[in-house]
Amino acid sequence: MKYIIILGDGMADEPIPSLGGKTPLQAARKPEMDWLAAHGRNGLLDTIPEGFAPGSEIANLAILGYDLQEVFEGRGSLEAASMGVPIGDGEMAMRCNLITVEDGRIKNHSGGQISSGEAAKLIHFLQDELGGDDVNFFPGVSYRHLLKMKGGDKHIVTTPPHDIIGEDYRKYLVKPGREGSEATAERLNSLILESMELLPEHPVNIARAREGKDIANSIWLWSPGYRPKMKTLAEQFPQIRKGSVISAVDLIKGIGVYAGLRSIDVEGATGLYDTNYEGKAQAAIEALRTEDFVFLHIEASDEAGHDGDPDLKVRTIQYLNDRIVKPVLDEVRKWDEPVSIAVLPDHPTPCAIRTHTARPVPFTIYRTGCDGDSVERFDEFSAARGSYGMLSGRQFIETFLGNGE
């Protein structure tokens, strides 16, 4: 049996008036996803354990069966693994976003969807100006970057910038989470404020302003942690001897690295609606020919949700269907070896609130030659009637791999 998970980040949503009271999944034309739901079995999955904020780092670890209480060490440490940045003893890693601040408020979490090339120049500039002693900056993809700090205390309170769009940034600067972490919070806040002085005058931002684009005029530091300790998927599940992860996002690649998966880079993979869907689909098909397991992650719907754009979100779901699910399904139908395909989001990113929520997400699992249930479409409300009911935690991966049936 071959196994592939196709994950549309943030794809779940709430009913939207401009879509006739439908969710984007209900409004989208997606015949292949609906076919999988009609010929597979369906349910809802609680991906956010109690006590954790609804983020992709939490949800994707949960989908792969990890106990968050045991393994979670912040988003930055996971992304560091993808970027090849080692985290030594006494070092803390954390996410470093490039964001746009306007009139003291966070306008967007992405520096106006800044390109990777532009962003790399800004991060190298900050490294030259602010890094090299106790802190160092490392460039990632688009607005997503990494800060590593020597002697940092992870017990601080940080807020994801996508959760506070439109809010006064000063209310959400880093706060100490326990006695002794005050120095770490003060140091990180000084970096944020210094970046606000430096970045607006950089040539990259001057050019963006001239073109009418939002400028990346601040960093935002969040999700700190030390080096995580995780067992690989192969150590936990005999069905997975070799596997791959395909994503444009360092977070997902980093989870894959710790999970023992081979990370496949696809040229033109951006994490946005203009990503190289066809390249990702082909990479997944080729990997599945020789390996047991593929985790294929598509970010675009999440970004559309953060932008509050229902029409774009519908379009990203249709792209996922037509340019990922369809070619994968068309190919594996030709194979003699049976295949299991799961399709799901990691969490909802409702357009109305432009951030993540912890509501359970729909999922479908199709297996070659197995009967389905009575569900006919893939969406939040149809999946609730599926035969799997409500799953949580490790139950999903156990079920997907055939251990839970």
Protein backbone atom coordinates (compact mmCIF):
# COMPACT_ATOMS: atom_id res chain seq x y z
CA MET A 1 0.00 0.00 0.00
CA LYS A 2 1.16 3.53 -0.89
CA TYR A 3 0.08 6.50 1.24
CA ILE A 4 -0.26 10.17 0.27
CA ILE A 5 -1.67 13.02 2.35
CA ILE A 6 -2.70 16.10 0.35
CA LEU A 7 -3.07 19.01 2.76
CA GLY A 8 -4.66 22.33 1.78
CA ASP A 9 -3.44 24.67 4.51
CA GLY A 10 -6.24 26.71 6.10
CA MET A 11 -8.74 25.43 3.52
CA ALA A 12 -11.65 25.10 5.99
CA ASP A 13 -13.79 28.15 6.69
CA GLU A 14 -17.24 29.36 7.80
CA PRO A 15 -20.28 30.22 5.64
CA ILE A 16 -19.66 33.52 3.84
CA PRO A 17 -22.51 35.85 2.72
CA SER A 18 -20.74 36.84 -0.52
CA LEU A 19 -20.60 33.13 -1.43
CA GLY A 20 -24.34 32.70 -0.92
CA GLY A 21 -23.94 31.44 2.63
CA LYS A 22 -21.53 28.69 1.56
CA THR A 23 -18.01 28.01 2.73
CA PRO A 24 -15.26 28.24 0.10
CA LEU A 25 -15.09 24.42 0.08
CA GLN A 26 -18.82 24.27 -0.65
CA ALA A 27 -18.64 27.01 -3.28
CA ALA A 28 -15.60 25.67 -5.13
CA ARG A 29 -15.85 23.45 -8.20
CA LYS A 30 -13.76 20.43 -7.18
CA PRO A 31 -14.94 17.23 -8.88
CA GLU A 32 -11.91 15.13 -7.95
CA MET A 33 -12.07 16.00 -4.25
CA ASP A 34 -15.78 15.25 -4.29
CA TRP A 35 -15.11 11.94 -6.07
CA LEU A 36 -12.64 10.95 -3.34
CA ALA A 37 -15.19 11.83 -0.67
CA ALA A 38 -17.94 9.90 -2.47
CA HIS A 39 -15.74 6.82 -2.89
CA GLY A 40 -13.91 7.10 0.41
CA ARG A 41 -14.79 7.52 4.05
CA ASN A 42 -15.09 10.83 5.79
CA GLY A 43 -15.05 12.54 9.15
CA LEU A 44 -13.96 15.52 11.19
CA LEU A 45 -10.56 15.86 12.84
CA ASP A 46 -9.69 17.92 15.90
CA THR A 47 -6.13 19.03 15.11
CA ILE A 48 -5.59 21.47 17.98
CA PRO A 49 -5.04 19.82 21.38
CA GLU A 50 -6.36 21.61 24.43
CA GLY A 51 -3.98 24.27 25.67
CA PHE A 52 -2.39 25.00 22.28
CA ALA A 53 -3.04 27.90 19.93
CA PRO A 54 -4.45 27.04 16.48
CA GLY A 55 -1.37 27.23 14.28
CA SER A 56 0.01 25.18 11.41
CA GLU A 57 2.91 23.99 13.55
CA ILE A 58 0.49 22.46 16.07
CA ALA A 59 -2.02 21.10 13.56
CA ASN A 60 0.50 19.43 11.23
CA LEU A 61 2.36 17.77 14.09
CA ALA A 62 -0.99 16.47 15.38
CA ILE A 63 -1.99 15.18 11.93
CA LEU A 64 1.24 13.17 11.80
CA GLY A 65 0.47 11.67 15.20
CA TYR A 66 2.88 13.54 17.48
CA ASP A 67 2.09 14.24 21.13
CA LEU A 68 2.44 18.01 21.33
CA GLN A 69 3.09 17.99 25.04
CA GLU A 70 6.16 15.82 24.42
CA VAL A 71 7.67 17.24 21.25
CA PHE A 72 6.65 20.85 20.63
CA GLU A 73 9.48 23.37 20.89
CA GLY A 74 8.13 26.30 18.93
CA ARG A 75 7.81 27.06 15.26
CA GLY A 76 11.28 28.50 14.83
CA SER A 77 13.06 25.31 15.84
CA LEU A 78 11.08 23.34 13.25
CA GLU A 79 11.86 25.82 10.49
CA ALA A 80 15.53 25.80 11.44
CA ALA A 81 15.69 22.08 10.57
CA SER A 82 14.40 22.79 7.06
CA MET A 83 16.84 25.66 6.60
CA GLY A 84 19.82 23.58 7.73
CA VAL A 85 20.43 25.87 10.70
CA PRO A 86 21.63 23.82 13.69
CA ILE A 87 20.30 24.66 17.14
CA GLY A 88 23.00 24.11 19.73
CA ASP A 89 22.77 23.68 23.47
CA GLY A 90 21.76 26.95 25.08
CA GLU A 91 20.33 28.33 21.83
CA MET A 92 16.75 29.37 21.12
CA ALA A 93 15.18 29.70 17.67
CA MET A 94 12.06 31.62 16.73
CA ARG A 95 10.11 32.78 13.72
CA CYS A 96 11.06 36.19 12.35
CA ASN A 97 8.34 37.61 10.09
CA LEU A 98 8.78 40.63 7.88
CA ILE A 99 5.58 42.60 8.42
CA THR A 100 3.98 45.90 7.45
CA VAL A 101 3.17 48.41 10.21
CA GLU A 102 1.09 51.47 9.32
CA ASP A 103 0.15 54.21 11.79
CA GLY A 104 1.27 52.00 14.67
CA ARG A 105 -0.92 49.09 13.60
CA ILE A 106 -0.04 45.78 11.94
CA LYS A 107 -1.38 46.10 8.40
CA ASN A 108 -0.29 42.64 7.26
CA HIS A 109 1.80 39.72 8.50
CA SER A 110 3.70 39.29 5.23
CA GLY A 111 5.43 42.55 4.32
CA GLY A 112 2.93 42.91 1.50
CA GLN A 113 3.64 39.35 0.27
CA ILE A 114 7.25 40.28 -0.23
CA SER A 115 9.24 38.07 -2.60
CA SER A 116 11.99 35.79 -1.33
CA GLY A 117 14.64 37.71 -3.25
CA GLU A 118 13.63 41.06 -1.78
CA ALA A 119 13.28 39.60 1.69
CA ALA A 120 16.72 37.97 1.61
CA LYS A 121 18.30 41.39 1.02
CA LEU A 122 16.46 42.80 4.05
CA ILE A 123 17.39 39.89 6.31
CA HIS A 124 21.06 40.05 5.29
CA PHE A 125 20.94 43.79 5.97
CA LEU A 126 19.54 43.18 9.47
CA GLN A 127 22.21 40.55 10.09
CA ASP A 128 24.90 43.09 9.18
CA GLU A 129 23.34 45.81 11.33
CA LEU A 130 21.97 43.90 14.33
CA GLY A 131 23.32 40.34 14.24
CA GLY A 132 26.53 38.53 14.95
CA ASP A 133 26.72 38.61 18.75
CA ASP A 134 23.94 37.00 20.77
CA VAL A 135 21.48 36.98 17.86
CA ASN A 136 21.65 35.95 14.21
CA PHE A 137 19.17 36.28 11.35
CA PHE A 138 18.67 33.62 8.65
CA PRO A 139 16.65 34.17 5.43
CA GLY A 140 13.80 31.85 4.56
CA VAL A 141 10.92 32.04 2.05
CA SER A 142 8.93 35.21 1.33
CA TYR A 143 8.14 36.83 4.70
CA ARG A 144 9.07 33.78 6.83
CA HIS A 145 12.53 33.96 8.39
CA LEU A 146 14.47 32.77 11.42
CA LEU A 147 16.16 34.35 14.43
CA LYS A 148 18.52 32.34 16.62
CA MET A 149 19.46 33.63 20.08
CA LYS A 150 22.18 32.44 22.44
CA GLY A 151 21.03 32.07 26.03
CA GLY A 152 17.42 32.97 25.26
CA ASP A 153 14.67 31.89 27.63
CA LYS A 154 11.76 30.37 25.69
CA HIS A 155 9.34 31.13 28.53
CA ILE A 156 8.14 34.37 27.00
CA VAL A 157 4.76 35.44 25.65
CA THR A 158 4.63 36.11 21.91
CA THR A 159 1.74 36.57 19.48
CA PRO A 160 1.56 35.43 15.84
CA PRO A 161 1.23 38.55 13.67
CA HIS A 162 -1.53 37.01 11.56
CA ASP A 163 -3.67 36.93 14.72
CA ILE A 164 -3.44 40.69 15.32
CA ILE A 165 -3.85 42.31 11.92
CA GLY A 166 -5.24 45.81 12.44
CA GLU A 167 -4.07 45.92 16.07
CA ASP A 168 -1.64 48.33 17.73
CA TYR A 169 1.66 46.42 17.66
CA ARG A 170 2.77 47.91 20.99
CA LYS A 171 0.15 45.93 22.88
CA TYR A 172 1.65 42.67 21.60
CA LEU A 173 5.37 43.16 22.03
CA VAL A 174 7.19 40.26 23.71
CA LYS A 175 6.39 39.82 27.39
CA PRO A 176 8.18 37.74 30.04
CA GLY A 177 6.36 34.50 30.81
CA ARG A 178 8.09 33.76 34.09
CA GLU A 179 10.57 35.29 36.46
CA GLY A 180 13.98 35.40 34.81
CA SER A 181 12.78 35.80 31.22
CA GLU A 182 12.63 39.60 31.38
CA ALA A 183 16.04 40.04 29.73
CA THR A 184 15.04 37.87 26.76
CA ALA A 185 11.81 39.82 26.24
CA GLU A 186 13.64 43.14 26.46
CA ARG A 187 16.32 42.05 23.98
CA LEU A 188 13.78 40.81 21.43
CA ASN A 189 11.67 43.96 21.69
CA SER A 190 14.77 46.06 21.13
CA LEU A 191 15.37 44.16 17.86
CA ILE A 192 11.80 44.79 16.70
CA LEU A 193 12.03 48.51 17.44
CA GLU A 194 15.48 48.84 15.87
CA SER A 195 14.22 47.10 12.72
CA MET A 196 11.49 49.74 12.45
CA GLU A 197 14.20 52.41 12.35
CA LEU A 198 16.36 50.60 9.78
CA LEU A 199 14.05 48.89 7.29
CA PRO A 200 11.99 51.79 5.83
CA GLU A 201 15.09 53.40 4.29
CA HIS A 202 16.44 50.23 2.68
CA PRO A 203 16.49 50.37 -1.15
CA VAL A 204 14.17 47.36 -1.37
CA ASN A 205 11.47 49.20 0.57
CA ILE A 206 12.07 52.49 -1.22
CA ALA A 207 11.49 50.68 -4.52
CA ARG A 208 8.38 48.92 -3.19
CA ALA A 209 6.91 52.21 -1.98
CA ARG A 210 7.60 53.78 -5.36
CA GLU A 211 5.65 50.93 -6.98
CA GLY A 212 2.70 51.39 -4.60
CA LYS A 213 3.39 48.19 -2.67
CA ASP A 214 3.31 47.72 1.09
CA ILE A 215 6.79 47.92 2.56
CA ALA A 216 8.31 45.38 4.94
CA ASN A 217 9.13 47.96 7.60
CA SER A 218 9.42 45.77 10.70
CA ILE A 219 10.29 42.31 11.93
CA TRP A 220 7.99 40.38 14.26
CA LEU A 221 9.42 37.70 16.56
CA TRP A 222 7.31 34.81 17.84
CA SER A 223 7.05 31.08 18.66
CA PRO A 224 10.37 30.45 20.48
CA GLY A 225 11.81 27.08 21.38
CA TYR A 226 14.84 24.85 21.77
CA ARG A 227 15.87 21.83 19.67
CA PRO A 228 12.94 19.31 19.66
CA LYS A 229 13.23 15.59 20.30
CA MET A 230 11.01 13.61 17.93
CA LYS A 231 10.88 10.00 16.80
CA THR A 232 10.71 9.53 13.05
CA LEU A 233 7.56 8.19 11.43
CA ALA A 234 9.47 5.07 10.38
CA GLU A 235 10.32 4.40 14.03
CA GLN A 236 6.63 4.53 14.91
CA PHE A 237 4.86 2.99 11.92
CA PRO A 238 6.10 -0.08 10.01
CA GLN A 239 4.08 0.98 6.94
CA ILE A 240 6.40 3.97 6.44
CA ARG A 241 9.86 2.74 5.52
CA LYS A 242 10.69 5.69 3.29
CA GLY A 243 8.79 8.91 2.74
CA SER A 244 8.95 12.48 1.49
CA VAL A 245 7.57 15.90 2.32
CA ILE A 246 6.80 18.48 -0.38
CA SER A 247 6.11 22.07 0.63
CA ALA A 248 7.17 25.65 -0.06
CA VAL A 249 7.06 26.41 3.66
CA ASP A 250 10.08 25.91 5.92
CA LEU A 251 7.83 25.00 8.86
CA ILE A 252 6.41 21.97 7.06
CA LYS A 253 9.78 20.98 5.64
CA GLY A 254 11.24 21.17 9.14
CA ILE A 255 8.53 18.95 10.58
CA GLY A 256 9.32 16.54 7.76
CA VAL A 257 13.04 16.56 8.57
CA TYR A 258 12.40 15.67 12.22
CA ALA A 259 9.85 13.08 11.09
CA GLY A 260 12.53 11.39 8.98
CA LEU A 261 11.08 12.40 5.61
CA ARG A 262 13.09 13.44 2.58
CA SER A 263 12.38 17.09 1.75
CA ILE A 264 11.79 17.66 -1.97
CA ASP A 265 12.31 21.18 -3.31
CA VAL A 266 10.14 22.14 -6.27
CA GLU A 267 11.22 25.00 -8.48
CA GLY A 268 8.63 27.78 -8.46
CA ALA A 269 6.99 26.69 -5.21
CA THR A 270 6.07 29.99 -3.54
CA GLY A 271 3.54 29.22 -0.81
CA LEU A 272 1.06 31.52 -2.58
CA TYR A 273 -1.71 31.10 -5.17
CA ASP A 274 0.90 31.37 -7.94
CA THR A 275 2.86 28.35 -6.71
CA ASN A 276 3.99 25.62 -9.08
CA TYR A 277 1.08 23.22 -8.56
CA GLU A 278 2.01 21.02 -11.49
CA GLY A 279 5.59 20.69 -10.31
CA LYS A 280 4.44 19.68 -6.84
CA ALA A 281 2.01 17.10 -8.23
CA GLN A 282 4.67 15.57 -10.45
CA ALA A 283 7.18 15.49 -7.59
CA ALA A 284 4.62 13.70 -5.42
CA ILE A 285 3.87 11.12 -8.11
CA GLU A 286 7.56 10.40 -8.69
CA ALA A 287 8.24 10.09 -4.96
CA LEU A 288 5.29 7.76 -4.47
CA ARG A 289 6.62 5.40 -7.14
CA THR A 290 9.63 4.48 -5.01
CA GLU A 291 8.57 5.40 -1.46
CA ASP A 292 5.77 4.44 0.88
CA PHE A 293 4.54 7.82 2.08
CA VAL A 294 4.24 11.38 0.74
CA PHE A 295 3.10 14.45 2.67
CA LEU A 296 2.12 17.08 0.08
CA HIS A 297 1.41 20.52 1.55
CA ILE A 298 -0.15 23.48 -0.31
CA GLU A 299 -0.15 26.84 1.51
CA ALA A 300 -2.22 29.05 -0.83
CA SER A 301 -5.68 28.78 0.79
CA ASP A 302 -4.29 29.82 4.16
CA GLU A 303 -2.82 32.99 2.66
CA ALA A 304 -6.15 33.79 0.98
CA GLY A 305 -7.86 33.39 4.35
CA HIS A 306 -5.36 35.72 6.02
CA ASP A 307 -6.00 38.23 3.25
CA GLY A 308 -9.76 37.97 3.88
CA ASP A 309 -10.40 37.20 0.20
CA PRO A 310 -13.21 34.61 -0.27
CA ASP A 311 -13.04 34.63 -4.06
CA LEU A 312 -9.30 33.98 -4.04
CA LYS A 313 -9.79 31.22 -1.49
CA VAL A 314 -12.33 29.50 -3.74
CA ARG A 315 -9.87 29.83 -6.61
CA THR A 316 -7.01 28.28 -4.60
CA ILE A 317 -9.22 25.31 -3.71
CA GLN A 318 -10.08 24.83 -7.38
CA TYR A 319 -6.39 25.04 -8.27
CA LEU A 320 -5.66 22.40 -5.64
CA ASN A 321 -8.31 20.15 -7.12
CA ASP A 322 -7.46 20.64 -10.79
CA ARG A 323 -3.68 20.88 -10.57
CA ILE A 324 -2.83 18.60 -7.63
CA VAL A 325 -5.61 16.16 -6.76
CA LYS A 326 -6.64 15.40 -10.35
CA PRO A 327 -3.19 14.53 -11.75
CA VAL A 328 -2.32 12.48 -8.66
CA LEU A 329 -5.62 10.58 -8.81
CA ASP A 330 -5.39 10.08 -12.59
CA GLU A 331 -1.91 8.60 -12.20
CA VAL A 332 -2.49 6.26 -9.27
CA ARG A 333 -5.63 4.86 -10.91
CA LYS A 334 -3.27 3.26 -13.44
CA TRP A 335 -1.19 1.49 -10.79
CA ASP A 336 -1.56 -2.12 -9.77
CA GLU A 337 -0.42 -1.36 -6.23
CA PRO A 338 -3.21 -0.05 -3.97
CA VAL A 339 -3.02 3.55 -2.78
CA SER A 340 -4.52 5.43 0.16
CA ILE A 341 -5.20 9.14 -0.40
CA ALA A 342 -6.19 11.55 2.35
CA VAL A 343 -7.31 15.12 1.67
CA LEU A 344 -7.76 17.64 4.49
CA PRO A 345 -6.87 21.10 5.81
CA ASP A 346 -4.77 21.52 8.94
CA HIS A 347 -7.05 24.15 10.53
CA PRO A 348 -9.66 26.68 9.42
CA THR A 349 -8.54 30.16 8.37
CA PRO A 350 -11.88 31.98 8.07
CA CYS A 351 -11.85 34.94 5.72
CA ALA A 352 -14.13 36.89 8.07
CA ILE A 353 -11.56 37.03 10.86
CA ARG A 354 -8.36 36.50 8.80
CA THR A 355 -6.73 34.16 11.30
CA HIS A 356 -6.75 30.53 12.42
CA THR A 357 -9.41 28.88 14.56
CA ALA A 358 -9.41 25.61 16.47
CA ARG A 359 -12.60 24.15 14.98
CA PRO A 360 -12.33 20.55 13.70
CA VAL A 361 -11.56 20.17 10.00
CA PRO A 362 -13.08 17.84 7.38
CA PHE A 363 -11.08 14.94 6.02
CA THR A 364 -11.57 12.16 3.51
CA ILE A 365 -9.62 8.90 3.18
CA TYR A 366 -9.89 6.97 -0.08
CA ARG A 367 -8.39 3.49 -0.46
CA THR A 368 -8.14 1.56 -3.71
CA GLY A 369 -10.79 -1.15 -3.78
CA CYS A 370 -12.51 -0.19 -0.50
CA ASP A 371 -16.12 0.88 -0.10
CA GLY A 372 -17.00 4.42 0.87
CA ASP A 373 -19.66 5.84 3.15
CA SER A 374 -22.75 7.92 2.28
CA VAL A 375 -20.96 11.27 1.94
CA GLU A 376 -20.99 12.70 -1.59
CA ARG A 377 -19.03 15.96 -1.34
CA PHE A 378 -15.91 17.18 0.40
CA ASP A 379 -16.70 20.07 2.71
CA GLU A 380 -17.07 20.92 6.38
CA PHE A 381 -20.73 19.98 6.72
CA SER A 382 -20.76 16.88 4.53
CA ALA A 383 -17.77 15.40 6.33
CA ALA A 384 -19.59 15.73 9.66
CA ARG A 385 -21.95 12.97 8.45
CA GLY A 386 -19.09 10.62 7.57
CA SER A 387 -18.53 7.18 9.03
CA TYR A 388 -15.35 8.13 10.89
CA GLY A 389 -17.20 10.63 13.06
CA MET A 390 -14.88 12.82 15.10
CA LEU A 391 -11.21 11.88 15.46
CA SER A 392 -8.45 13.62 17.40
CA GLY A 393 -4.72 13.43 17.95
CA ARG A 394 -3.00 10.24 16.82
CA GLN A 395 -6.29 8.68 15.71
CA PHE A 396 -6.05 10.19 12.24
CA ILE A 397 -2.65 8.82 11.24
CA GLU A 398 -3.46 5.47 12.83
CA THR A 399 -6.69 5.34 10.80
CA PHE A 400 -5.04 6.52 7.60
CA LEU A 401 -2.34 3.85 7.85
CA GLY A 402 -4.94 1.18 8.56
CA ASN A 403 -4.18 0.75 12.26
CA GLY A 404 -7.41 2.27 13.44
CA GLU A 405 -9.92 0.27 11.37
